[in-house]
Amino acid sequence: MIVGFYWPFQGEFDAQPFVTDLRARGVRAALPAVVAKGQPLEFREWWPGVAMAKGVYDLPVPDGTSLLTPDALLIPALGVGSQGDRLGYGGGYFDRTLAALHPKPLAVGLAFELSRIATIVPQQHDVLMDFIVTEAGIQMAVAGGLMKLSAEDCRVRLAALAAERGLPRRESSSNETMDP
């Protein structure tokens, strides 16, 4: 599986330790690069210690690595609404990317619990997250809102969504413990 993630910007949740752990389990990781304003992101393979160059907003981007298409995206959320909607910095890059990729990757919004906002009204171009993850737990977007999941329920839902979308999924043995 290929997991796209983001370099933390201005206090966003830092997913690097989690992604480093995923890499140790055989997952390939990729960081986004802005190609042009108003266009979907491209993803370049990342690993700890890879050479980096400055990208848009001075965010580091892997330098000279392979372009990859993510099967799952870990997406920063500055604000989280009650429907699986999220607020970012307003560029719309992740929404355009999710809309452009086929099959659609699994969309996981990462946020801090204090970023819950009751007044987010998704716009027509906004793409809802499949899951929202905060320090308080995992929630899945369902018709009418968000539903809290256990880690095991999350595994089952991830497998079902991956199969539905034709995405690869990681097999784990029954005695292995792994957080989603």
C-alpha atoms as a PDB file:
ATOM      1  CA  MET A   1       0.000   0.000   0.000  1.00  0.00           C
ATOM      2  CA  ILE A   2       1.122   3.554  -0.678  1.00  0.00           C
ATOM      3  CA  VAL A   3       0.237   6.161   1.946  1.00  0.00           C
ATOM      4  CA  GLY A   4       0.393   9.842   1.111  1.00  0.00           C
ATOM      5  CA  PHE A   5       0.826  12.186   4.038  1.00  0.00           C
ATOM      6  CA  TYR A   6       1.814  15.792   4.680  1.00  0.00           C
ATOM      7  CA  TRP A   7       4.684  17.653   6.269  1.00  0.00           C
ATOM      8  CA  PRO A   8       3.276  19.411   9.369  1.00  0.00           C
ATOM      9  CA  PHE A   9       2.715  23.136   8.905  1.00  0.00           C
ATOM     10  CA  GLN A  10       1.938  25.714  11.604  1.00  0.00           C
ATOM     11  CA  GLY A  11       0.995  23.319  14.408  1.00  0.00           C
ATOM     12  CA  GLU A  12      -0.713  20.577  12.387  1.00  0.00           C
ATOM     13  CA  PHE A  13      -0.556  17.051  13.768  1.00  0.00           C
ATOM     14  CA  ASP A  14       2.812  15.475  12.899  1.00  0.00           C
ATOM     15  CA  ALA A  15       2.168  12.085  11.265  1.00  0.00           C
ATOM     16  CA  GLN A  16       5.859  11.338  10.541  1.00  0.00           C
ATOM     17  CA  PRO A  17       6.369   8.904  13.463  1.00  0.00           C
ATOM     18  CA  PHE A  18       3.238   6.970  12.455  1.00  0.00           C
ATOM     19  CA  VAL A  19       4.277   6.895   8.793  1.00  0.00           C
ATOM     20  CA  THR A  20       7.800   5.791   9.752  1.00  0.00           C
ATOM     21  CA  ASP A  21       6.209   2.892  11.656  1.00  0.00           C
ATOM     22  CA  LEU A  22       4.041   2.048   8.635  1.00  0.00           C
ATOM     23  CA  ARG A  23       7.170   1.994   6.455  1.00  0.00           C
ATOM     24  CA  ALA A  24       8.743  -0.521   8.826  1.00  0.00           C
ATOM     25  CA  ARG A  25       5.684  -2.714   8.120  1.00  0.00           C
ATOM     26  CA  GLY A  26       6.185  -2.559   4.340  1.00  0.00           C
ATOM     27  CA  VAL A  27       4.083   0.471   3.390  1.00  0.00           C
ATOM     28  CA  ARG A  28       5.538   2.979   0.919  1.00  0.00           C
ATOM     29  CA  ALA A  29       5.110   6.653   1.854  1.00  0.00           C
ATOM     30  CA  ALA A  30       4.825   9.777  -0.260  1.00  0.00           C
ATOM     31  CA  LEU A  31       4.743  13.515   0.388  1.00  0.00           C
ATOM     32  CA  PRO A  32       2.759  15.957  -1.751  1.00  0.00           C
ATOM     33  CA  ALA A  33       4.216  18.538  -4.085  1.00  0.00           C
ATOM     34  CA  VAL A  34       2.295  21.434  -5.584  1.00  0.00           C
ATOM     35  CA  VAL A  35       2.593  21.206  -9.372  1.00  0.00           C
ATOM     36  CA  ALA A  36       0.616  24.369 -10.160  1.00  0.00           C
ATOM     37  CA  LYS A  37      -2.023  26.528  -8.523  1.00  0.00           C
ATOM     38  CA  GLY A  38      -5.473  25.011  -8.978  1.00  0.00           C
ATOM     39  CA  GLN A  39      -4.100  21.568  -9.894  1.00  0.00           C
ATOM     40  CA  PRO A  40      -4.084  18.251  -7.993  1.00  0.00           C
ATOM     41  CA  LEU A  41      -0.994  17.424  -5.966  1.00  0.00           C
ATOM     42  CA  GLU A  42       1.640  14.954  -7.098  1.00  0.00           C
ATOM     43  CA  PHE A  43       3.201  12.613  -4.565  1.00  0.00           C
ATOM     44  CA  ARG A  44       6.903  11.835  -4.300  1.00  0.00           C
ATOM     45  CA  GLU A  45       8.261   8.856  -2.417  1.00  0.00           C
ATOM     46  CA  TRP A  46       9.569   9.665   1.070  1.00  0.00           C
ATOM     47  CA  TRP A  47      11.628   7.815   3.652  1.00  0.00           C
ATOM     48  CA  PRO A  48      13.528   9.067   6.709  1.00  0.00           C
ATOM     49  CA  GLY A  49      16.746  10.751   5.568  1.00  0.00           C
ATOM     50  CA  VAL A  50      15.722  11.235   1.918  1.00  0.00           C
ATOM     51  CA  ALA A  51      17.100  14.393   0.249  1.00  0.00           C
ATOM     52  CA  MET A  52      14.542  17.202   0.430  1.00  0.00           C
ATOM     53  CA  ALA A  53      14.028  20.433  -1.500  1.00  0.00           C
ATOM     54  CA  LYS A  54      11.922  23.467  -0.585  1.00  0.00           C
ATOM     55  CA  GLY A  55       8.476  23.448  -2.119  1.00  0.00           C
ATOM     56  CA  VAL A  56       5.540  25.861  -1.962  1.00  0.00           C
ATOM     57  CA  TYR A  57       5.272  27.633   1.424  1.00  0.00           C
ATOM     58  CA  ASP A  58       8.835  26.369   2.027  1.00  0.00           C
ATOM     59  CA  LEU A  59       7.442  22.918   2.826  1.00  0.00           C
ATOM     60  CA  PRO A  60       9.997  20.149   2.247  1.00  0.00           C
ATOM     61  CA  VAL A  61       9.446  17.897  -0.769  1.00  0.00           C
ATOM     62  CA  PRO A  62      11.443  14.750  -1.568  1.00  0.00           C
ATOM     63  CA  ASP A  63      14.069  15.617  -4.160  1.00  0.00           C
ATOM     64  CA  GLY A  64      14.389  13.317  -7.169  1.00  0.00           C
ATOM     65  CA  THR A  65      12.323  10.389  -5.862  1.00  0.00           C
ATOM     66  CA  SER A  66       9.682   8.381  -7.717  1.00  0.00           C
ATOM     67  CA  LEU A  67       6.189   9.730  -8.299  1.00  0.00           C
ATOM     68  CA  LEU A  68       3.625   7.511  -6.586  1.00  0.00           C
ATOM     69  CA  THR A  69      -0.166   7.321  -6.566  1.00  0.00           C
ATOM     70  CA  PRO A  70      -1.437   6.958  -2.987  1.00  0.00           C
ATOM     71  CA  ASP A  71      -3.936   4.291  -1.972  1.00  0.00           C
ATOM     72  CA  ALA A  72      -4.622   6.243   1.223  1.00  0.00           C
ATOM     73  CA  LEU A  73      -4.127   9.887   2.143  1.00  0.00           C
ATOM     74  CA  LEU A  74      -3.501  11.236   5.636  1.00  0.00           C
ATOM     75  CA  ILE A  75      -4.847  14.789   5.362  1.00  0.00           C
ATOM     76  CA  PRO A  76      -4.388  17.654   7.829  1.00  0.00           C
ATOM     77  CA  ALA A  77      -7.499  19.222   9.300  1.00  0.00           C
ATOM     78  CA  LEU A  78      -7.434  22.617  10.987  1.00  0.00           C
ATOM     79  CA  GLY A  79     -11.135  22.260  11.645  1.00  0.00           C
ATOM     80  CA  VAL A  80     -13.383  19.205  11.665  1.00  0.00           C
ATOM     81  CA  GLY A  81     -17.110  19.324  10.974  1.00  0.00           C
ATOM     82  CA  SER A  82     -19.813  16.858  11.959  1.00  0.00           C
ATOM     83  CA  GLN A  83     -20.136  15.204   8.524  1.00  0.00           C
ATOM     84  CA  GLY A  84     -16.530  14.188   7.869  1.00  0.00           C
ATOM     85  CA  ASP A  85     -15.789  17.610   6.417  1.00  0.00           C
ATOM     86  CA  ARG A  86     -12.590  19.467   7.192  1.00  0.00           C
ATOM     87  CA  LEU A  87     -11.022  22.862   6.930  1.00  0.00           C
ATOM     88  CA  GLY A  88      -7.514  23.266   5.597  1.00  0.00           C
ATOM     89  CA  TYR A  89      -5.593  26.363   4.625  1.00  0.00           C
ATOM     90  CA  GLY A  90      -7.981  27.096   1.752  1.00  0.00           C
ATOM     91  CA  GLY A  91      -5.945  26.092  -1.287  1.00  0.00           C
ATOM     92  CA  GLY A  92      -8.186  23.120  -2.110  1.00  0.00           C
ATOM     93  CA  TYR A  93      -5.228  20.967  -3.115  1.00  0.00           C
ATOM     94  CA  PHE A  94      -6.286  17.841  -1.224  1.00  0.00           C
ATOM     95  CA  ASP A  95      -9.916  18.170  -2.420  1.00  0.00           C
ATOM     96  CA  ARG A  96      -8.782  18.467  -6.064  1.00  0.00           C
ATOM     97  CA  THR A  97      -6.419  15.522  -5.583  1.00  0.00           C
ATOM     98  CA  LEU A  98      -9.119  13.302  -4.060  1.00  0.00           C
ATOM     99  CA  ALA A  99     -11.507  14.232  -6.875  1.00  0.00           C
ATOM    100  CA  ALA A 100      -8.891  13.490  -9.571  1.00  0.00           C
ATOM    101  CA  LEU A 101      -7.513  10.141  -8.383  1.00  0.00           C
ATOM    102  CA  HIS A 102      -9.150   6.927  -9.577  1.00  0.00           C
ATOM    103  CA  PRO A 103      -9.667   4.787  -7.699  1.00  0.00           C
ATOM    104  CA  LYS A 104     -10.326   7.288  -4.939  1.00  0.00           C
ATOM    105  CA  PRO A 105      -7.805   6.770  -2.136  1.00  0.00           C
ATOM    106  CA  LEU A 106      -8.930   6.257   1.437  1.00  0.00           C
ATOM    107  CA  ALA A 107      -9.230   9.745   2.956  1.00  0.00           C
ATOM    108  CA  VAL A 108      -8.213  10.075   6.602  1.00  0.00           C
ATOM    109  CA  GLY A 109      -8.441  13.499   8.212  1.00  0.00           C
ATOM    110  CA  LEU A 110      -5.963  13.984  11.073  1.00  0.00           C
ATOM    111  CA  ALA A 111      -6.780  16.646  13.637  1.00  0.00           C
ATOM    112  CA  PHE A 112      -6.715  17.584  17.267  1.00  0.00           C
ATOM    113  CA  GLU A 113      -9.971  17.100  19.152  1.00  0.00           C
ATOM    114  CA  LEU A 114     -10.121  20.798  20.014  1.00  0.00           C
ATOM    115  CA  SER A 115     -10.475  21.564  16.288  1.00  0.00           C
ATOM    116  CA  ARG A 116     -14.110  20.401  16.206  1.00  0.00           C
ATOM    117  CA  ILE A 117     -16.278  23.087  14.630  1.00  0.00           C
ATOM    118  CA  ALA A 118     -20.057  22.792  14.491  1.00  0.00           C
ATOM    119  CA  THR A 119     -20.457  25.452  11.802  1.00  0.00           C
ATOM    120  CA  ILE A 120     -18.511  24.010   8.853  1.00  0.00           C
ATOM    121  CA  VAL A 121     -20.729  23.966   5.773  1.00  0.00           C
ATOM    122  CA  PRO A 122     -19.084  21.850   3.059  1.00  0.00           C
ATOM    123  CA  GLN A 123     -18.915  23.515  -0.338  1.00  0.00           C
ATOM    124  CA  GLN A 124     -19.734  21.683  -3.576  1.00  0.00           C
ATOM    125  CA  HIS A 125     -16.009  21.108  -4.294  1.00  0.00           C
ATOM    126  CA  ASP A 126     -15.185  19.797  -0.785  1.00  0.00           C
ATOM    127  CA  VAL A 127     -14.547  16.061  -0.509  1.00  0.00           C
ATOM    128  CA  LEU A 128     -15.626  14.420   2.746  1.00  0.00           C
ATOM    129  CA  MET A 129     -13.153  12.293   4.657  1.00  0.00           C
ATOM    130  CA  ASP A 130     -13.786   8.567   5.079  1.00  0.00           C
ATOM    131  CA  PHE A 131     -12.367   8.762   8.605  1.00  0.00           C
ATOM    132  CA  ILE A 132     -11.481  11.469  11.113  1.00  0.00           C
ATOM    133  CA  VAL A 133      -8.757  10.590  13.628  1.00  0.00           C
ATOM    134  CA  THR A 134      -7.988  12.659  16.723  1.00  0.00           C
ATOM    135  CA  GLU A 135      -6.372  11.855  20.056  1.00  0.00           C
ATOM    136  CA  ALA A 136      -9.904  10.965  21.256  1.00  0.00           C
ATOM    137  CA  GLY A 137     -10.338   8.158  18.725  1.00  0.00           C
ATOM    138  CA  ILE A 138     -11.415   7.183  15.239  1.00  0.00           C
ATOM    139  CA  GLN A 139     -14.644   8.225  13.598  1.00  0.00           C
ATOM    140  CA  MET A 140     -16.080   7.097  10.277  1.00  0.00           C
ATOM    141  CA  ALA A 141     -18.178   9.334   8.061  1.00  0.00           C
ATOM    142  CA  VAL A 142     -21.652   7.830   7.630  1.00  0.00           C
ATOM    143  CA  ALA A 143     -24.905   9.246   6.302  1.00  0.00           C
ATOM    144  CA  GLY A 144     -25.925  11.934   8.738  1.00  0.00           C
ATOM    145  CA  GLY A 145     -22.657  12.335  10.617  1.00  0.00           C
ATOM    146  CA  LEU A 146     -19.691  10.644  12.210  1.00  0.00           C
ATOM    147  CA  MET A 147     -19.694   7.319  14.043  1.00  0.00           C
ATOM    148  CA  LYS A 148     -17.051   6.369  16.614  1.00  0.00           C
ATOM    149  CA  LEU A 149     -15.177   3.152  15.818  1.00  0.00           C
ATOM    150  CA  SER A 150     -13.019   0.743  17.748  1.00  0.00           C
ATOM    151  CA  ALA A 151      -9.663  -0.144  16.213  1.00  0.00           C
ATOM    152  CA  GLU A 152     -11.075  -3.512  15.085  1.00  0.00           C
ATOM    153  CA  ASP A 153     -14.182  -1.916  13.548  1.00  0.00           C
ATOM    154  CA  CYS A 154     -11.868   0.505  11.756  1.00  0.00           C
ATOM    155  CA  ARG A 155      -9.836  -2.395  10.297  1.00  0.00           C
ATOM    156  CA  VAL A 156     -13.040  -4.003   9.016  1.00  0.00           C
ATOM    157  CA  ARG A 157     -14.290  -0.742   7.481  1.00  0.00           C
ATOM    158  CA  LEU A 158     -10.877  -0.001   5.908  1.00  0.00           C
ATOM    159  CA  ALA A 159     -10.818  -3.462   4.329  1.00  0.00           C
ATOM    160  CA  ALA A 160     -14.364  -3.034   2.992  1.00  0.00           C
ATOM    161  CA  LEU A 161     -13.638   0.411   1.509  1.00  0.00           C
ATOM    162  CA  ALA A 162     -10.356  -0.787  -0.006  1.00  0.00           C
ATOM    163  CA  ALA A 163     -12.115  -3.745  -1.630  1.00  0.00           C
ATOM    164  CA  GLU A 164     -15.003  -1.553  -2.827  1.00  0.00           C
ATOM    165  CA  ARG A 165     -12.571   0.878  -4.473  1.00  0.00           C
ATOM    166  CA  GLY A 166     -10.196  -1.763  -5.819  1.00  0.00           C
ATOM    167  CA  LEU A 167      -7.313  -0.633  -3.597  1.00  0.00           C
ATOM    168  CA  PRO A 168      -4.638  -2.923  -2.169  1.00  0.00           C
ATOM    169  CA  ARG A 169      -4.864  -3.578   1.522  1.00  0.00           C
ATOM    170  CA  ARG A 170      -2.412  -4.844   4.064  1.00  0.00           C
ATOM    171  CA  GLU A 171      -3.037  -8.315   5.409  1.00  0.00           C
ATOM    172  CA  SER A 172      -2.250  -8.805   9.093  1.00  0.00           C
ATOM    173  CA  SER A 173      -2.069 -11.973  11.108  1.00  0.00           C
ATOM    174  CA  SER A 174      -4.592 -12.471  13.887  1.00  0.00           C
ATOM    175  CA  ASN A 175      -1.893 -12.325  16.582  1.00  0.00           C
ATOM    176  CA  GLU A 176      -0.431  -9.047  15.324  1.00  0.00           C
ATOM    177  CA  THR A 177      -1.359  -5.860  17.101  1.00  0.00           C
ATOM    178  CA  MET A 178      -1.529  -2.810  14.900  1.00  0.00           C
ATOM    179  CA  ASP A 179      -3.252   0.479  15.388  1.00  0.00           C
ATOM    180  CA  PRO A 180      -5.144   1.579  12.286  1.00  0.00           C
END
